[in-house]
Protein backbone atom coordinates (compact mmCIF):
# COMPACT_ATOMS: atom_id res chain seq x y z
CA MET A 1 82.33 110.79 77.26
CA THR A 2 79.09 112.74 76.75
CA SER A 3 76.98 109.61 76.98
CA SER A 4 78.69 108.61 80.25
CA PHE A 5 78.04 112.03 81.71
CA TYR A 6 74.41 111.92 80.58
CA ALA A 7 73.92 108.45 82.07
CA TYR A 8 75.46 109.52 85.35
CA SER A 9 73.38 112.73 85.49
CA THR A 10 70.20 110.79 84.77
CA PHE A 11 70.99 108.24 87.43
CA ILE A 12 71.74 110.90 90.04
CA GLY A 13 68.44 112.56 89.22
CA LYS A 14 66.61 109.33 89.97
CA VAL A 15 68.30 108.69 93.31
CA ASN A 16 68.55 112.29 94.47
CA ILE A 17 66.00 111.70 97.21
CA VAL A 18 65.97 108.00 97.85
CA VAL A 19 69.62 107.27 98.75
CA ASN A 20 68.79 106.48 102.34
CA THR A 21 69.13 102.70 102.47
CA LYS A 22 72.04 100.32 102.04
CA HIS A 23 70.49 98.99 98.83
CA HIS A 24 70.42 102.40 97.18
CA ILE A 25 73.94 103.24 98.38
CA VAL A 26 75.25 100.02 96.85
CA GLU A 27 73.39 100.80 93.63
CA VAL A 28 74.95 104.25 93.42
CA PHE A 29 78.37 102.81 94.31
CA PHE A 30 78.49 100.30 91.46
CA THR A 31 77.00 102.72 88.94
CA LYS A 32 79.58 105.35 89.86
CA LEU A 33 82.33 102.71 89.76
CA ARG A 34 81.38 101.62 86.25
CA LEU A 35 81.05 105.15 84.92
CA ASN A 36 84.32 106.31 86.50
CA LEU A 37 86.28 103.45 84.96
CA LYS A 38 84.68 104.03 81.58
CA SER A 39 85.31 107.78 81.75
CA GLU A 40 88.94 107.28 82.80
CA THR A 41 89.71 105.11 79.78
CA LYS A 42 88.18 107.63 77.38
CA LYS A 43 90.46 110.44 78.57
CA THR A 44 93.55 108.97 76.88
CA TYR A 45 94.36 107.62 73.43
CA LEU A 46 95.69 104.31 74.76
CA SER A 47 92.64 103.74 76.97
CA TYR A 48 92.92 100.53 79.05
CA ALA A 49 96.54 100.02 77.96
CA TRP A 50 97.67 102.67 80.44
CA TRP A 51 96.62 100.42 83.31
CA LEU A 52 99.52 98.18 82.25
CA LEU A 53 101.91 100.67 80.66
CA GLU A 54 102.22 102.89 83.73
CA PRO A 55 103.52 100.17 86.09
CA ALA A 56 105.66 98.75 83.28
CA LEU A 57 107.34 102.13 82.79
CA TYR A 58 108.01 102.52 86.52
CA VAL A 59 109.57 99.05 86.73
CA SER A 60 111.64 99.70 83.59
CA VAL A 61 113.14 102.87 85.06
CA PHE A 62 114.08 101.18 88.34
CA TYR A 63 115.53 98.18 86.50
CA LEU A 64 117.59 100.45 84.24
CA VAL A 65 118.97 102.46 87.16
CA PHE A 66 119.74 99.69 89.64
CA SER A 67 120.54 96.73 87.39
CA VAL A 68 122.07 98.29 84.28
CA ILE A 69 123.58 101.62 85.34
CA LEU A 70 124.54 100.87 88.96
CA ASN A 71 125.05 97.14 88.30
CA ARG A 72 123.49 96.26 91.67
CA GLY A 73 120.98 93.71 90.47
CA THR A 74 121.15 89.91 90.68
CA ASP A 75 120.14 87.38 88.02
CA ASP A 76 116.52 87.43 89.17
CA PHE A 77 116.49 91.14 89.96
CA LEU A 78 113.71 91.91 87.48
CA LEU A 79 111.41 89.33 89.10
CA PHE A 80 112.43 90.60 92.53
CA LEU A 81 111.64 94.17 91.47
CA LEU A 82 108.29 93.27 89.91
CA CYS A 83 107.09 91.52 93.07
CA GLY A 84 107.79 94.66 95.08
CA LYS A 85 107.10 97.57 92.77
CA ILE A 86 103.80 96.31 91.34
CA PRO A 87 102.12 95.86 94.77
CA PHE A 88 103.60 99.17 95.94
CA LEU A 89 102.16 101.06 92.97
CA TRP A 90 98.76 99.63 93.84
CA PHE A 91 99.12 100.86 97.41
CA SER A 92 100.53 104.29 96.54
CA LYS A 93 97.99 105.11 93.82
CA SER A 94 95.06 104.05 95.99
CA ILE A 95 96.21 106.09 98.98
CA SER A 96 97.11 109.12 96.88
CA ASN A 97 93.77 109.07 95.05
CA ALA A 98 91.79 108.46 98.24
CA SER A 99 93.41 111.34 100.15
CA ASN A 100 91.33 113.96 98.35
CA SER A 101 88.35 111.78 97.48
CA ILE A 102 85.84 113.32 99.90
CA VAL A 103 86.64 116.86 98.77
CA ALA A 104 86.51 115.75 95.13
CA GLY A 105 83.06 114.25 95.80
CA ARG A 106 81.65 117.65 96.78
CA GLY A 107 79.17 117.64 93.90
CA LEU A 108 77.57 114.37 94.94
CA ILE A 109 77.63 115.29 98.64
CA LEU A 110 75.67 118.47 97.91
CA GLN A 111 73.02 116.51 95.96
CA ILE A 112 72.36 113.46 98.11
CA ALA A 113 72.78 112.30 101.69
CA ILE A 114 75.52 109.71 101.45
CA PRO A 115 78.06 108.21 103.89
CA LYS A 116 81.38 109.98 103.39
CA GLN A 117 83.37 106.73 103.45
CA PHE A 118 81.63 106.01 100.14
CA PHE A 119 84.26 108.11 98.34
CA PRO A 120 87.54 106.53 99.54
CA LEU A 121 85.97 103.07 99.21
CA LEU A 122 85.03 103.91 95.62
CA VAL A 123 88.65 104.85 94.90
CA VAL A 124 89.87 101.62 96.49
CA ALA A 125 87.46 99.59 94.36
CA GLN A 126 88.48 101.39 91.15
CA ASP A 127 92.18 100.84 91.74
CA PHE A 128 91.60 97.22 92.75
CA ILE A 129 89.87 96.45 89.45
CA LYS A 130 92.74 98.03 87.53
CA GLN A 131 95.24 96.13 89.65
CA LEU A 132 93.64 92.80 88.75
CA PHE A 133 94.68 93.36 85.12
CA VAL A 134 98.21 94.23 86.23
CA PHE A 135 98.44 91.12 88.41
CA PHE A 136 97.27 88.96 85.52
CA PHE A 137 100.11 90.11 83.28
CA LEU A 138 102.56 89.88 86.19
CA PHE A 139 101.61 86.22 86.64
CA VAL A 140 102.00 85.59 82.90
CA PHE A 141 105.48 87.15 82.98
CA LEU A 142 106.49 85.12 86.02
CA ALA A 143 105.15 81.92 84.44
CA ILE A 144 107.35 82.50 81.39
CA TYR A 145 110.55 83.76 83.01
CA GLY A 146 110.35 82.58 86.62
CA ASP A 147 111.22 79.24 88.17
CA GLY A 148 108.37 79.12 90.68
CA SER A 149 105.54 76.60 90.66
CA VAL A 150 102.37 78.07 89.18
CA ALA A 151 100.25 75.76 91.34
CA HIS A 152 101.90 77.27 94.42
CA TRP A 153 100.66 80.74 93.45
CA ILE A 154 97.28 80.03 95.04
CA TYR A 155 98.96 81.21 98.23
CA VAL A 156 99.26 84.71 96.80
CA LEU A 157 95.51 85.23 97.22
CA PRO A 158 95.71 85.70 101.03
CA VAL A 159 98.57 88.15 100.47
CA ILE A 160 96.48 90.17 98.01
CA LEU A 161 93.49 90.10 100.38
CA THR A 162 95.69 91.31 103.23
CA GLN A 163 97.02 94.17 101.14
CA MET A 164 93.47 95.06 100.10
CA LEU A 165 92.44 95.37 103.76
CA LEU A 166 95.53 97.46 104.53
CA ILE A 167 94.83 99.78 101.60
CA THR A 168 91.20 100.18 102.68
CA ALA A 169 92.19 101.09 106.23
CA CYS A 170 94.83 103.60 105.11
CA ALA A 171 92.54 105.09 102.44
CA LEU A 172 89.80 105.74 105.00
CA LEU A 173 92.33 107.35 107.34
CA VAL A 174 93.92 109.76 104.85
CA SER A 175 90.55 110.69 103.34
CA ALA A 176 89.24 111.51 106.82
CA ILE A 177 92.11 113.89 107.56
CA THR A 178 92.36 115.88 104.31
CA PRO A 179 89.05 117.83 104.58
CA PHE A 180 90.20 119.13 107.97
CA ILE A 181 93.78 119.82 106.85
CA PRO A 182 93.82 120.42 103.06
CA ASP A 183 97.63 120.53 102.94
CA PHE A 184 97.75 116.98 104.29
CA LYS A 185 97.42 115.59 100.76
CA PHE A 186 100.91 116.93 100.01
CA LEU A 187 102.31 115.12 103.05
CA VAL A 188 100.75 111.92 101.76
CA GLY A 189 103.00 112.09 98.70
CA THR A 190 106.08 112.57 100.86
CA GLY A 191 105.06 109.72 103.14
CA LEU A 192 104.58 107.40 100.17
CA MET A 193 108.06 108.25 98.89
CA ILE A 194 109.54 107.42 102.30
CA LEU A 195 107.67 104.12 102.28
CA MET A 196 108.95 103.33 98.80
CA PHE A 197 112.57 103.63 99.92
CA GLY A 198 111.93 102.04 103.30
CA SER A 199 110.06 98.90 102.25
CA GLY A 200 112.71 96.93 100.36
CA ILE A 201 111.28 97.33 96.88
CA PHE A 202 114.58 97.42 94.99
CA TYR A 203 116.96 95.98 97.56
CA SER A 204 117.09 92.90 99.79
CA TYR A 205 116.88 93.90 103.43
CA LYS A 206 118.71 90.69 104.38
CA GLU A 207 121.88 92.01 102.74
CA PHE A 208 121.94 95.27 104.71
CA LEU A 209 120.39 94.56 108.10
CA SER A 210 121.35 92.40 111.04
CA GLU A 211 118.90 89.73 112.16
CA ARG A 212 117.65 91.91 115.02
CA HIS A 213 117.09 94.88 112.73
CA GLN A 214 115.38 92.66 110.17
CA GLU A 215 112.60 91.99 112.66
CA LEU A 216 112.13 95.73 113.16
CA PHE A 217 112.16 96.28 109.39
CA LEU A 218 109.41 93.71 108.89
CA MET A 219 107.18 95.55 111.34
CA ASN A 220 106.54 97.80 108.33
CA PRO A 221 103.43 96.05 106.92
CA LEU A 222 104.35 96.90 103.32
CA ALA A 223 107.84 95.44 103.68
CA ASN A 224 106.28 92.31 105.16
CA LEU A 225 103.79 92.02 102.32
CA PHE A 226 106.50 92.42 99.67
CA LYS A 227 108.50 89.69 101.39
CA ASN A 228 105.47 87.40 101.23
CA TYR A 229 104.82 88.18 97.56
CA ARG A 230 108.41 87.21 96.72
CA GLU A 231 108.41 84.09 98.84
CA VAL A 232 105.22 82.82 97.20
CA LEU A 233 105.84 83.85 93.59
CA ILE A 234 109.62 83.38 93.33
CA ASP A 235 110.81 81.07 96.12
CA ASN A 236 107.83 78.67 96.37
CA ILE A 237 107.52 79.32 100.10
CA THR A 238 104.15 79.53 101.86
CA PRO A 239 103.27 82.96 103.30
CA ASP A 240 103.99 84.00 106.86
CA TRP A 241 100.48 83.33 108.19
CA HIS A 242 101.16 84.97 111.53
CA ALA A 243 102.34 88.22 109.92
CA LEU A 244 99.41 88.26 107.49
CA GLY A 245 97.01 87.61 110.35
CA VAL A 246 98.39 90.51 112.39
CA ILE A 247 98.15 92.90 109.42
CA CYS A 248 94.59 91.72 108.65
CA LEU A 249 93.46 92.12 112.24
CA ALA A 250 94.98 95.59 112.59
CA SER A 251 93.46 96.65 109.25
CA VAL A 252 89.98 95.36 110.13
CA LEU A 253 90.07 97.12 113.50
CA ALA A 254 91.17 100.33 111.78
CA ILE A 255 88.37 100.02 109.20
CA ILE A 256 85.79 99.58 111.97
CA ALA A 257 87.20 102.56 113.88
CA MET A 258 87.16 104.76 110.78
CA ASN A 259 83.55 103.83 109.98
CA VAL A 260 82.55 104.80 113.52
CA TRP A 261 84.41 108.08 113.05
CA PHE A 262 82.66 108.84 109.76
CA LYS A 263 79.23 108.13 111.26
CA LYS A 264 79.88 110.52 114.14
CA THR A 265 81.26 113.30 111.94
CA ASP A 266 79.06 112.93 108.85
CA THR A 267 77.51 116.40 109.02
CA THR A 268 80.90 117.95 109.77
CA TYR A 269 82.30 116.73 106.46
CA ALA A 270 79.27 118.08 104.62
CA ARG A 271 80.02 121.54 106.03
CA LEU A 272 83.74 121.29 105.30
CA VAL A 273 83.35 120.49 101.61
CA MET A 274 80.93 123.41 101.19
CA GLN A 275 83.56 125.91 102.30
């Protein structure tokens, strides 16, 4: 822990003045990313194991409640649940962590001139790296207990990429709002809970909604992504390319808009975090 802090302090001392080009920003980004991940694992006894244990515990609780206690699950309910809850945890943790990322980066902002979108993007990158480990073990589990074709799983890559773009867009948005409205970070938690219950994680929307309402339900990008995960990993169906394309396009446009916003309000954020 001490060595990580010393390395980070030394690095910041070296770039305190020269972080004014894309090259130096990228250098700081990857150094901070590496040190943050290393520091995070040293804060707990189980270290990297928590990256897998946390989602496993969440899934276990939902499986116990809905499949065992309420007896609402089907034969493949665990696989169904995994393909919804695991991607949702990635989304929720990234958005929750990003919401306060600019304020939490006050120390670095006061030392060097740095684009403020650096901080939510750093959070997104950290959580993506951790999610790769989770996805690996999810695929191993599905290969053992599922009936899907492993070769067909190549189609899950566009789904993951689409979710990554969606997470990036949402992370930039919530991080931009929180410095202006500090209480907004509490609303983020409430919003994520609503999304959890409204995205078909532990129930099949086809059993509860009419065909017309199903189309409205799938306008929720998370619900649409979870549907695509299940179709690829469980049902051996190719993704809905049109839906993925729409989500990607909307996310990219939102990312561009948020970067324009951050460039125009850069000095404003510097003043806000100093208060």
